[in-house]
Amino acid sequence: MITDSPDRILRLNTVLDRTGLSRATLYRKIEAGTFPRQIRIAARCAGWRESAVNDWMRNPMFYEAKD
């Protein structure tokens, strides 16, 4: 059964907790295109789509960020 729940926005600390990555490694992976880019929530606020983080967690070795 598929549910139509909205995609949540995860903040930095939640992403770090879920992935086990350090802050520096996370941003290095974003720059390399091997982790999803964050999205702008407000002028000084960003987060990650929960679905994108879950996609990465399913296969972190071969993940490639889409443009």
C-alpha atoms as a PDB file:
ATOM      1  CA  MET A   1       0.000   0.000   0.000  1.00  0.00           C
ATOM      2  CA  ILE A   2       1.384   3.397  -0.999  1.00  0.00           C
ATOM      3  CA  THR A   3       0.722   6.384   1.212  1.00  0.00           C
ATOM      4  CA  ASP A   4       0.713   9.958  -0.019  1.00  0.00           C
ATOM      5  CA  SER A   5       2.490  11.454   2.958  1.00  0.00           C
ATOM      6  CA  PRO A   6       4.252  14.765   2.349  1.00  0.00           C
ATOM      7  CA  ASP A   7       8.022  14.806   1.994  1.00  0.00           C
ATOM      8  CA  ARG A   8       9.508  16.175   5.226  1.00  0.00           C
ATOM      9  CA  ILE A   9      12.432  18.596   5.341  1.00  0.00           C
ATOM     10  CA  LEU A  10      15.297  17.429   7.553  1.00  0.00           C
ATOM     11  CA  ARG A  11      17.681  19.863   9.209  1.00  0.00           C
ATOM     12  CA  LEU A  12      21.449  19.345   9.458  1.00  0.00           C
ATOM     13  CA  ASN A  13      21.600  17.640  12.868  1.00  0.00           C
ATOM     14  CA  THR A  14      18.914  15.140  11.869  1.00  0.00           C
ATOM     15  CA  VAL A  15      20.731  14.313   8.627  1.00  0.00           C
ATOM     16  CA  LEU A  16      24.017  13.842  10.505  1.00  0.00           C
ATOM     17  CA  ASP A  17      22.303  11.563  13.056  1.00  0.00           C
ATOM     18  CA  ARG A  18      20.600   9.453  10.394  1.00  0.00           C
ATOM     19  CA  THR A  19      23.620   9.058   8.135  1.00  0.00           C
ATOM     20  CA  GLY A  20      26.403   8.841  10.710  1.00  0.00           C
ATOM     21  CA  LEU A  21      28.491  11.264   8.649  1.00  0.00           C
ATOM     22  CA  SER A  22      30.467  14.139  10.088  1.00  0.00           C
ATOM     23  CA  ARG A  23      29.564  17.668   9.023  1.00  0.00           C
ATOM     24  CA  ALA A  24      32.759  18.012   6.962  1.00  0.00           C
ATOM     25  CA  THR A  25      32.224  14.677   5.204  1.00  0.00           C
ATOM     26  CA  LEU A  26      28.604  15.548   4.428  1.00  0.00           C
ATOM     27  CA  TYR A  27      29.557  18.834   2.743  1.00  0.00           C
ATOM     28  CA  ARG A  28      32.459  17.155   0.926  1.00  0.00           C
ATOM     29  CA  LYS A  29      30.035  14.570  -0.485  1.00  0.00           C
ATOM     30  CA  ILE A  30      27.590  17.298  -1.548  1.00  0.00           C
ATOM     31  CA  GLU A  31      30.406  19.068  -3.402  1.00  0.00           C
ATOM     32  CA  ALA A  32      31.417  15.794  -5.086  1.00  0.00           C
ATOM     33  CA  GLY A  33      27.818  15.070  -6.110  1.00  0.00           C
ATOM     34  CA  THR A  34      27.576  11.912  -4.013  1.00  0.00           C
ATOM     35  CA  PHE A  35      25.006  13.238  -1.526  1.00  0.00           C
ATOM     36  CA  PRO A  36      21.762  15.165  -2.195  1.00  0.00           C
ATOM     37  CA  ARG A  37      22.005  18.945  -2.190  1.00  0.00           C
ATOM     38  CA  GLN A  38      20.123  20.863   0.444  1.00  0.00           C
ATOM     39  CA  ILE A  39      17.171  23.036  -0.464  1.00  0.00           C
ATOM     40  CA  ARG A  40      16.626  26.622   0.642  1.00  0.00           C
ATOM     41  CA  ILE A  41      13.834  26.969   3.225  1.00  0.00           C
ATOM     42  CA  ALA A  42      14.339  30.651   4.072  1.00  0.00           C
ATOM     43  CA  ALA A  43      17.032  33.310   3.669  1.00  0.00           C
ATOM     44  CA  ARG A  44      19.340  31.727   6.267  1.00  0.00           C
ATOM     45  CA  CYS A  45      17.810  28.268   6.535  1.00  0.00           C
ATOM     46  CA  ALA A  46      18.272  25.088   4.480  1.00  0.00           C
ATOM     47  CA  GLY A  47      17.390  21.441   4.785  1.00  0.00           C
ATOM     48  CA  TRP A  48      17.258  18.146   2.908  1.00  0.00           C
ATOM     49  CA  ARG A  49      14.258  16.307   1.525  1.00  0.00           C
ATOM     50  CA  GLU A  50      13.716  13.171   3.590  1.00  0.00           C
ATOM     51  CA  SER A  51      13.107  11.129   0.424  1.00  0.00           C
ATOM     52  CA  ALA A  52      16.486  12.185  -1.023  1.00  0.00           C
ATOM     53  CA  VAL A  53      18.318  11.242   2.183  1.00  0.00           C
ATOM     54  CA  ASN A  54      16.485   7.888   2.230  1.00  0.00           C
ATOM     55  CA  ASP A  55      17.516   7.267  -1.410  1.00  0.00           C
ATOM     56  CA  TRP A  56      21.126   7.916  -0.459  1.00  0.00           C
ATOM     57  CA  MET A  57      20.872   5.590   2.543  1.00  0.00           C
ATOM     58  CA  ARG A  58      19.593   2.737   0.356  1.00  0.00           C
ATOM     59  CA  ASN A  59      22.802   2.757  -1.697  1.00  0.00           C
ATOM     60  CA  PRO A  60      25.421   5.261  -0.463  1.00  0.00           C
ATOM     61  CA  MET A  61      28.333   3.753  -2.412  1.00  0.00           C
ATOM     62  CA  PHE A  62      26.780   4.337  -5.836  1.00  0.00           C
ATOM     63  CA  TYR A  63      24.571   7.373  -5.231  1.00  0.00           C
ATOM     64  CA  GLU A  64      24.807  10.216  -7.741  1.00  0.00           C
ATOM     65  CA  ALA A  65      22.979  13.484  -7.140  1.00  0.00           C
ATOM     66  CA  LYS A  66      20.650  14.566  -9.915  1.00  0.00           C
ATOM     67  CA  ASP A  67      20.751  18.162 -11.110  1.00  0.00           C
END
